[in-house]
Amino acid sequence: MGGKTVTRADLCEVVYQKVGLSRTESADLVEQVLKEVSDCLVRGETVKLSSFGSFLVRSKGERIGRNPKTGTEVPISPRRVMVFKPSNVLKKTINDSLSGK
């Protein structure tokens, strides 16, 4: 799965091959997991996956931005953004793969 974008279909296929569920059951399982993660984030909860990382929602206040083309100041409304913070285990795995360890 390296070197490309991983899709839901790819995740379903991996679950099908490695876990042994049917393709339909694998797709349902992946969808249920993604829905639960999404629902938790919508509620403002942090989702922590051990040895992988944490997904969290941060609130950003209103601020003044600038249109780079015209230089006009524009208010940017308050919003919530999702942030992913990788675990140290994931960071080490990624860095070790670059150095060939």
N, C-alpha and C. Protein backbone atom coordinates (compact mmCIF):
# COMPACT_ATOMS: atom_id res chain seq x y z
N MET A 1 0.81 -1.20 0.00
CA MET A 1 0.00 0.00 0.00
C MET A 1 0.86 1.27 0.00
N GLY A 2 2.15 1.16 -0.20
CA GLY A 2 3.00 2.34 -0.14
C GLY A 2 3.03 3.11 -1.44
N GLY A 3 3.26 4.42 -1.35
CA GLY A 3 3.45 5.25 -2.52
C GLY A 3 2.19 5.69 -3.24
N LYS A 4 1.03 5.52 -2.63
CA LYS A 4 -0.22 5.96 -3.26
C LYS A 4 -1.20 6.35 -2.17
N THR A 5 -2.33 6.85 -2.59
CA THR A 5 -3.39 7.19 -1.65
C THR A 5 -4.15 5.92 -1.29
N VAL A 6 -4.34 5.68 -0.02
CA VAL A 6 -5.08 4.51 0.45
C VAL A 6 -6.55 4.91 0.58
N THR A 7 -7.41 4.14 -0.05
CA THR A 7 -8.85 4.44 -0.04
C THR A 7 -9.59 3.50 0.90
N ARG A 8 -10.87 3.77 1.08
CA ARG A 8 -11.71 2.88 1.88
C ARG A 8 -11.72 1.48 1.28
N ALA A 9 -11.78 1.42 -0.04
CA ALA A 9 -11.79 0.12 -0.72
C ALA A 9 -10.50 -0.65 -0.43
N ASP A 10 -9.37 0.06 -0.39
CA ASP A 10 -8.09 -0.58 -0.06
C ASP A 10 -8.12 -1.14 1.36
N LEU A 11 -8.65 -0.35 2.29
CA LEU A 11 -8.73 -0.81 3.68
C LEU A 11 -9.64 -2.04 3.79
N CYS A 12 -10.76 -2.00 3.09
CA CYS A 12 -11.68 -3.14 3.10
C CYS A 12 -11.01 -4.39 2.55
N GLU A 13 -10.24 -4.23 1.49
CA GLU A 13 -9.54 -5.36 0.87
C GLU A 13 -8.51 -5.96 1.83
N VAL A 14 -7.79 -5.11 2.55
CA VAL A 14 -6.79 -5.60 3.51
C VAL A 14 -7.48 -6.36 4.65
N VAL A 15 -8.60 -5.83 5.15
CA VAL A 15 -9.34 -6.53 6.20
C VAL A 15 -9.83 -7.88 5.67
N TYR A 16 -10.33 -7.88 4.45
CA TYR A 16 -10.80 -9.12 3.83
C TYR A 16 -9.68 -10.16 3.76
N GLN A 17 -8.50 -9.74 3.31
CA GLN A 17 -7.39 -10.68 3.13
C GLN A 17 -6.77 -11.13 4.45
N LYS A 18 -6.63 -10.22 5.41
CA LYS A 18 -5.90 -10.55 6.64
C LYS A 18 -6.78 -11.11 7.74
N VAL A 19 -8.05 -10.69 7.81
CA VAL A 19 -8.91 -11.12 8.91
C VAL A 19 -9.75 -12.33 8.51
N GLY A 20 -10.09 -12.40 7.23
CA GLY A 20 -10.85 -13.54 6.77
C GLY A 20 -12.34 -13.33 6.77
N LEU A 21 -12.80 -12.11 6.99
CA LEU A 21 -14.23 -11.83 6.88
C LEU A 21 -14.59 -11.78 5.40
N SER A 22 -15.87 -11.85 5.12
CA SER A 22 -16.29 -11.70 3.72
C SER A 22 -16.03 -10.26 3.29
N ARG A 23 -16.09 -10.02 1.99
CA ARG A 23 -15.86 -8.66 1.49
C ARG A 23 -16.92 -7.70 2.04
N THR A 24 -18.15 -8.16 2.11
CA THR A 24 -19.24 -7.32 2.64
C THR A 24 -19.03 -7.02 4.12
N GLU A 25 -18.68 -8.04 4.89
CA GLU A 25 -18.42 -7.85 6.32
C GLU A 25 -17.21 -6.95 6.53
N SER A 26 -16.19 -7.10 5.71
CA SER A 26 -15.00 -6.26 5.82
C SER A 26 -15.34 -4.80 5.55
N ALA A 27 -16.14 -4.56 4.51
CA ALA A 27 -16.56 -3.20 4.18
C ALA A 27 -17.39 -2.60 5.31
N ASP A 28 -18.32 -3.40 5.87
CA ASP A 28 -19.14 -2.93 6.98
C ASP A 28 -18.29 -2.58 8.20
N LEU A 29 -17.30 -3.41 8.50
CA LEU A 29 -16.42 -3.17 9.64
C LEU A 29 -15.64 -1.87 9.47
N VAL A 30 -15.05 -1.67 8.30
CA VAL A 30 -14.29 -0.44 8.04
C VAL A 30 -15.22 0.76 8.16
N GLU A 31 -16.41 0.69 7.58
CA GLU A 31 -17.37 1.80 7.65
C GLU A 31 -17.77 2.10 9.09
N GLN A 32 -18.00 1.07 9.90
CA GLN A 32 -18.38 1.27 11.30
C GLN A 32 -17.27 1.95 12.08
N VAL A 33 -16.03 1.54 11.85
CA VAL A 33 -14.90 2.14 12.56
C VAL A 33 -14.76 3.61 12.16
N LEU A 34 -14.82 3.90 10.87
CA LEU A 34 -14.69 5.28 10.41
C LEU A 34 -15.84 6.15 10.90
N LYS A 35 -17.05 5.59 10.93
CA LYS A 35 -18.20 6.34 11.43
C LYS A 35 -18.05 6.65 12.92
N GLU A 36 -17.58 5.69 13.69
CA GLU A 36 -17.41 5.92 15.13
C GLU A 36 -16.35 7.00 15.38
N VAL A 37 -15.24 6.94 14.63
CA VAL A 37 -14.20 7.97 14.77
C VAL A 37 -14.78 9.33 14.42
N SER A 38 -15.51 9.41 13.30
CA SER A 38 -16.12 10.68 12.87
C SER A 38 -17.10 11.21 13.91
N ASP A 39 -17.97 10.34 14.42
CA ASP A 39 -18.97 10.75 15.41
C ASP A 39 -18.31 11.30 16.67
N CYS A 40 -17.24 10.65 17.12
CA CYS A 40 -16.52 11.12 18.31
C CYS A 40 -15.92 12.50 18.07
N LEU A 41 -15.34 12.71 16.90
CA LEU A 41 -14.74 14.00 16.57
C LEU A 41 -15.79 15.10 16.47
N VAL A 42 -16.95 14.78 15.90
CA VAL A 42 -18.04 15.75 15.81
C VAL A 42 -18.48 16.19 17.20
N ARG A 43 -18.48 15.25 18.14
CA ARG A 43 -18.85 15.57 19.54
C ARG A 43 -17.73 16.31 20.27
N GLY A 44 -16.59 16.49 19.63
CA GLY A 44 -15.48 17.21 20.25
C GLY A 44 -14.58 16.33 21.09
N GLU A 45 -14.74 15.02 20.99
CA GLU A 45 -13.91 14.09 21.75
C GLU A 45 -12.59 13.85 21.02
N THR A 46 -11.57 13.47 21.78
CA THR A 46 -10.29 13.10 21.20
C THR A 46 -10.30 11.60 20.93
N VAL A 47 -9.81 11.19 19.77
CA VAL A 47 -9.72 9.78 19.43
C VAL A 47 -8.25 9.40 19.46
N LYS A 48 -7.88 8.51 20.40
CA LYS A 48 -6.49 8.10 20.55
C LYS A 48 -6.36 6.64 20.16
N LEU A 49 -5.51 6.38 19.17
CA LEU A 49 -5.24 5.02 18.74
C LEU A 49 -3.82 4.69 19.17
N SER A 50 -3.70 3.82 20.12
CA SER A 50 -2.42 3.48 20.71
C SER A 50 -1.41 3.08 19.64
N SER A 51 -0.19 3.56 19.75
CA SER A 51 0.92 3.30 18.83
C SER A 51 0.68 3.87 17.43
N PHE A 52 -0.39 4.66 17.25
CA PHE A 52 -0.65 5.27 15.95
C PHE A 52 -0.69 6.78 16.09
N GLY A 53 -1.60 7.30 16.91
CA GLY A 53 -1.69 8.74 17.10
C GLY A 53 -3.05 9.15 17.63
N SER A 54 -3.24 10.45 17.71
CA SER A 54 -4.49 11.01 18.22
C SER A 54 -5.09 11.98 17.22
N PHE A 55 -6.41 11.89 17.08
CA PHE A 55 -7.16 12.85 16.30
C PHE A 55 -7.88 13.75 17.30
N LEU A 56 -7.76 15.05 17.17
CA LEU A 56 -8.44 15.94 18.08
C LEU A 56 -9.01 17.13 17.33
N VAL A 57 -10.01 17.75 17.94
CA VAL A 57 -10.66 18.91 17.35
C VAL A 57 -10.24 20.13 18.15
N ARG A 58 -9.79 21.16 17.43
CA ARG A 58 -9.41 22.42 18.08
C ARG A 58 -10.34 23.51 17.59
N SER A 59 -10.63 24.44 18.48
CA SER A 59 -11.44 25.59 18.10
C SER A 59 -10.52 26.76 17.79
N LYS A 60 -10.75 27.39 16.65
CA LYS A 60 -9.98 28.56 16.27
C LYS A 60 -10.90 29.77 16.36
N GLY A 61 -10.42 30.81 16.98
CA GLY A 61 -11.22 32.02 17.13
C GLY A 61 -11.22 32.85 15.86
N GLU A 62 -12.06 33.88 15.88
CA GLU A 62 -12.12 34.78 14.74
C GLU A 62 -10.80 35.56 14.65
N ARG A 63 -10.37 35.80 13.42
CA ARG A 63 -9.14 36.56 13.23
C ARG A 63 -9.23 37.32 11.92
N ILE A 64 -8.30 38.21 11.73
CA ILE A 64 -8.25 38.99 10.50
C ILE A 64 -7.21 38.37 9.58
N GLY A 65 -7.63 38.06 8.37
CA GLY A 65 -6.73 37.54 7.36
C GLY A 65 -6.53 38.59 6.28
N ARG A 66 -5.67 38.29 5.34
CA ARG A 66 -5.39 39.23 4.27
C ARG A 66 -5.44 38.50 2.94
N ASN A 67 -6.16 39.07 1.99
CA ASN A 67 -6.20 38.53 0.64
C ASN A 67 -4.83 38.81 0.01
N PRO A 68 -4.07 37.77 -0.33
CA PRO A 68 -2.72 37.99 -0.83
C PRO A 68 -2.68 38.71 -2.18
N LYS A 69 -3.75 38.60 -2.94
CA LYS A 69 -3.78 39.22 -4.26
C LYS A 69 -4.04 40.73 -4.17
N THR A 70 -4.99 41.11 -3.31
CA THR A 70 -5.37 42.52 -3.23
C THR A 70 -4.84 43.23 -1.99
N GLY A 71 -4.47 42.45 -0.97
CA GLY A 71 -4.01 43.05 0.28
C GLY A 71 -5.15 43.48 1.19
N THR A 72 -6.38 43.23 0.78
CA THR A 72 -7.55 43.60 1.57
C THR A 72 -7.67 42.72 2.80
N GLU A 73 -7.94 43.38 3.95
CA GLU A 73 -8.16 42.61 5.17
C GLU A 73 -9.56 42.00 5.15
N VAL A 74 -9.63 40.72 5.56
CA VAL A 74 -10.90 39.99 5.54
C VAL A 74 -11.04 39.26 6.87
N PRO A 75 -12.21 39.36 7.53
CA PRO A 75 -12.38 38.59 8.77
C PRO A 75 -12.54 37.10 8.46
N ILE A 76 -11.86 36.27 9.23
CA ILE A 76 -11.99 34.82 9.12
C ILE A 76 -12.81 34.36 10.32
N SER A 77 -13.95 33.74 10.06
CA SER A 77 -14.87 33.38 11.13
C SER A 77 -14.32 32.24 11.98
N PRO A 78 -14.81 32.16 13.23
CA PRO A 78 -14.38 31.07 14.11
C PRO A 78 -14.78 29.73 13.52
N ARG A 79 -13.96 28.72 13.78
CA ARG A 79 -14.26 27.39 13.24
C ARG A 79 -13.55 26.33 14.07
N ARG A 80 -13.95 25.09 13.82
CA ARG A 80 -13.28 23.95 14.45
C ARG A 80 -12.49 23.23 13.38
N VAL A 81 -11.29 22.81 13.74
CA VAL A 81 -10.43 22.08 12.80
C VAL A 81 -10.00 20.78 13.45
N MET A 82 -9.82 19.75 12.61
CA MET A 82 -9.33 18.48 13.11
C MET A 82 -7.83 18.43 12.93
N VAL A 83 -7.14 17.93 13.95
CA VAL A 83 -5.69 17.83 13.95
C VAL A 83 -5.31 16.38 14.22
N PHE A 84 -4.29 15.89 13.53
CA PHE A 84 -3.76 14.57 13.82
C PHE A 84 -2.38 14.73 14.42
N LYS A 85 -2.17 14.09 15.57
CA LYS A 85 -0.87 14.13 16.23
C LYS A 85 -0.33 12.70 16.26
N PRO A 86 0.69 12.41 15.45
CA PRO A 86 1.21 11.03 15.42
C PRO A 86 1.89 10.66 16.73
N SER A 87 1.82 9.37 17.08
CA SER A 87 2.49 8.89 18.28
C SER A 87 4.00 8.80 18.03
N ASN A 88 4.75 8.73 19.09
CA ASN A 88 6.20 8.57 18.96
C ASN A 88 6.55 7.26 18.26
N VAL A 89 5.75 6.22 18.48
CA VAL A 89 5.97 4.92 17.85
C VAL A 89 5.84 5.07 16.33
N LEU A 90 4.78 5.76 15.87
CA LEU A 90 4.58 5.96 14.44
C LEU A 90 5.69 6.82 13.84
N LYS A 91 6.07 7.88 14.54
CA LYS A 91 7.16 8.74 14.05
C LYS A 91 8.45 7.93 13.89
N LYS A 92 8.75 7.10 14.88
CA LYS A 92 9.97 6.30 14.83
C LYS A 92 9.91 5.31 13.67
N THR A 93 8.76 4.66 13.48
CA THR A 93 8.59 3.71 12.38
C THR A 93 8.81 4.39 11.04
N ILE A 94 8.24 5.56 10.86
CA ILE A 94 8.40 6.29 9.60
C ILE A 94 9.85 6.70 9.39
N ASN A 95 10.47 7.23 10.43
CA ASN A 95 11.87 7.66 10.28
C ASN A 95 12.82 6.50 10.09
N ASP A 96 12.56 5.37 10.75
CA ASP A 96 13.40 4.18 10.57
C ASP A 96 13.28 3.64 9.15
N SER A 97 12.09 3.75 8.55
CA SER A 97 11.93 3.24 7.18
C SER A 97 12.71 4.09 6.20
N LEU A 98 12.92 5.36 6.49
CA LEU A 98 13.71 6.23 5.62
C LEU A 98 15.19 5.91 5.69
N SER A 99 15.65 5.52 6.88
CA SER A 99 17.08 5.26 7.05
C SER A 99 17.44 3.80 6.75
N GLY A 100 16.44 2.98 6.41
CA GLY A 100 16.70 1.60 6.02
C GLY A 100 16.91 0.66 7.19
N LYS A 101 16.49 1.02 8.39
CA LYS A 101 16.68 0.14 9.55
C LYS A 101 15.70 -0.99 9.54
